Protein backbone atom coordinates (compact mmCIF):
# COMPACT_ATOMS: atom_id res chain seq x y z
CA MET A 1 14.16 -2.18 -4.34
CA LEU A 2 10.73 -1.89 -5.95
CA GLU A 3 9.50 -4.79 -3.80
CA LEU A 4 10.75 -3.01 -0.67
CA LYS A 5 8.88 0.17 -1.59
CA THR A 6 5.76 -1.85 -2.34
CA ALA A 7 6.01 -3.68 0.98
CA GLN A 8 6.48 -0.40 2.83
CA ARG A 9 3.54 1.15 1.02
CA ASP A 10 1.34 -1.84 1.82
CA ARG A 11 2.38 -1.72 5.47
CA LEU A 12 1.66 2.04 5.59
CA LEU A 13 -1.77 1.54 4.02
CA ALA A 14 -2.58 -1.21 6.53
CA ASP A 15 -1.43 0.99 9.42
CA LEU A 16 -3.51 3.92 8.20
CA ARG A 17 -6.58 1.70 7.85
CA GLY A 18 -6.03 0.52 11.43
CA VAL A 19 -5.67 4.07 12.76
CA ILE A 20 -8.83 5.18 10.98
CA ALA A 21 -10.78 2.18 12.28
CA ASP A 22 -9.54 2.79 15.84
CA ALA A 23 -10.42 6.49 15.67
CA GLU A 24 -13.91 5.69 14.39
CA GLU A 25 -14.39 3.15 17.17
CA LEU A 26 -13.24 5.71 19.75
CA LEU A 27 -15.64 8.30 18.38
CA ASN A 28 -18.51 5.83 18.45
CA THR A 29 -17.86 4.67 22.02
CA THR A 30 -17.58 8.23 23.38
CA ALA A 31 -20.57 9.60 21.47
CA GLY A 32 -22.79 10.03 24.53
CA GLU A 33 -20.08 11.34 26.85
CA VAL A 34 -19.43 14.80 25.40
CA GLY A 35 -21.01 18.24 25.70
CA ALA A 36 -21.56 20.89 23.03
CA LYS A 37 -17.86 21.57 22.45
CA GLY A 38 -17.17 17.85 22.39
CA ALA A 39 -19.87 17.30 19.80
CA GLU A 40 -18.34 20.01 17.64
CA ALA A 41 -14.91 18.42 17.98
CA ARG A 42 -16.38 15.00 17.16
CA SER A 43 -17.94 16.33 13.98
CA ARG A 44 -14.61 17.92 12.92
CA ILE A 45 -12.79 14.68 13.65
CA GLN A 46 -15.35 12.67 11.71
CA ALA A 47 -14.97 15.01 8.73
CA LYS A 48 -11.20 14.65 8.85
CA LEU A 49 -11.54 10.87 9.10
CA GLN A 50 -13.76 10.84 6.01
CA GLN A 51 -11.17 12.96 4.22
CA ALA A 52 -8.40 10.59 5.33
CA LYS A 53 -10.40 7.61 4.07
CA GLY A 54 -10.81 9.29 0.69
CA SER A 55 -7.10 10.07 0.51
CA LEU A 56 -6.27 6.51 1.49
CA LEU A 57 -8.50 5.14 -1.26
CA GLU A 58 -6.90 7.49 -3.79
CA LEU A 59 -3.43 6.36 -2.68
CA GLN A 60 -4.47 2.74 -2.91
CA ASP A 61 -5.92 3.23 -6.40
CA SER A 62 -2.79 5.09 -7.50
CA ALA A 63 -0.52 2.32 -6.18
CA LEU A 64 -2.63 -0.31 -7.92
CA ALA A 65 -2.54 1.60 -11.21
CA LYS A 66 1.26 1.98 -10.99
CA ALA A 67 1.68 -1.72 -10.23
CA LYS A 68 -0.51 -2.66 -13.18
CA ALA A 69 1.42 -0.29 -15.47
CA ALA A 70 4.74 -1.77 -14.34
CA GLY A 71 3.38 -5.27 -14.97
CA HIS A 72 2.24 -4.33 -18.46
CA GLU A 73 5.64 -2.77 -19.23
CA ALA A 74 7.42 -5.90 -18.03
CA ASP A 75 5.09 -8.06 -20.10
CA GLU A 76 5.75 -5.96 -23.20
CA PHE A 77 9.51 -6.10 -22.63
CA VAL A 78 9.45 -9.89 -22.30
CA HIS A 79 7.37 -10.22 -25.47
CA ASP A 80 9.63 -7.83 -27.38
CA ASN A 81 12.90 -9.28 -26.03
CA PRO A 82 12.33 -12.93 -25.07
CA TRP A 83 15.99 -13.93 -25.19
CA LYS A 84 17.09 -11.04 -23.00
CA ALA A 85 14.39 -11.97 -20.49
CA ILE A 86 15.48 -15.62 -20.51
CA GLY A 87 19.12 -14.60 -20.07
CA ALA A 88 18.30 -12.26 -17.18
CA ALA A 89 16.19 -14.93 -15.47
CA ALA A 90 18.95 -17.50 -15.92
CA GLY A 91 21.52 -15.07 -14.47
CA VAL A 92 19.38 -14.33 -11.45
CA GLY A 93 18.73 -18.03 -10.95
CA LEU A 94 22.45 -18.78 -11.15
CA LEU A 95 23.28 -16.08 -8.60
CA LEU A 96 20.57 -17.28 -6.22
CA GLY A 97 21.78 -20.86 -6.64
CA LEU A 98 25.34 -19.85 -5.80
CA LEU A 99 24.22 -17.90 -2.75
CA ILE A 100 22.01 -20.71 -1.47
CA GLY A 101 24.74 -23.27 -2.19
CA ARG A 102 27.20 -21.44 0.07
CA ARG A 103 25.06 -21.99 3.16
């Protein structure tokens, strides 16, 4: 379940990066085609894009920090309980082997 959330988060981050890049490209290509009101709108959009970039970087940093913390917790658990970790890994391996063997 954690892997699914991580994959979804990564996909969302990639999509947001793409949207921001496309919006910036659109703003750059239409820079000479707008009047006074258009220039004002462009500046507002550029400010919002900068804000979105900052939020995206904060989200990315937060996700990275959470992933690192989870990794450290798992590492500590394995060091504190090596036999439990070995037993859990063996159980998962057995289940995967049974599932693969059925096909």
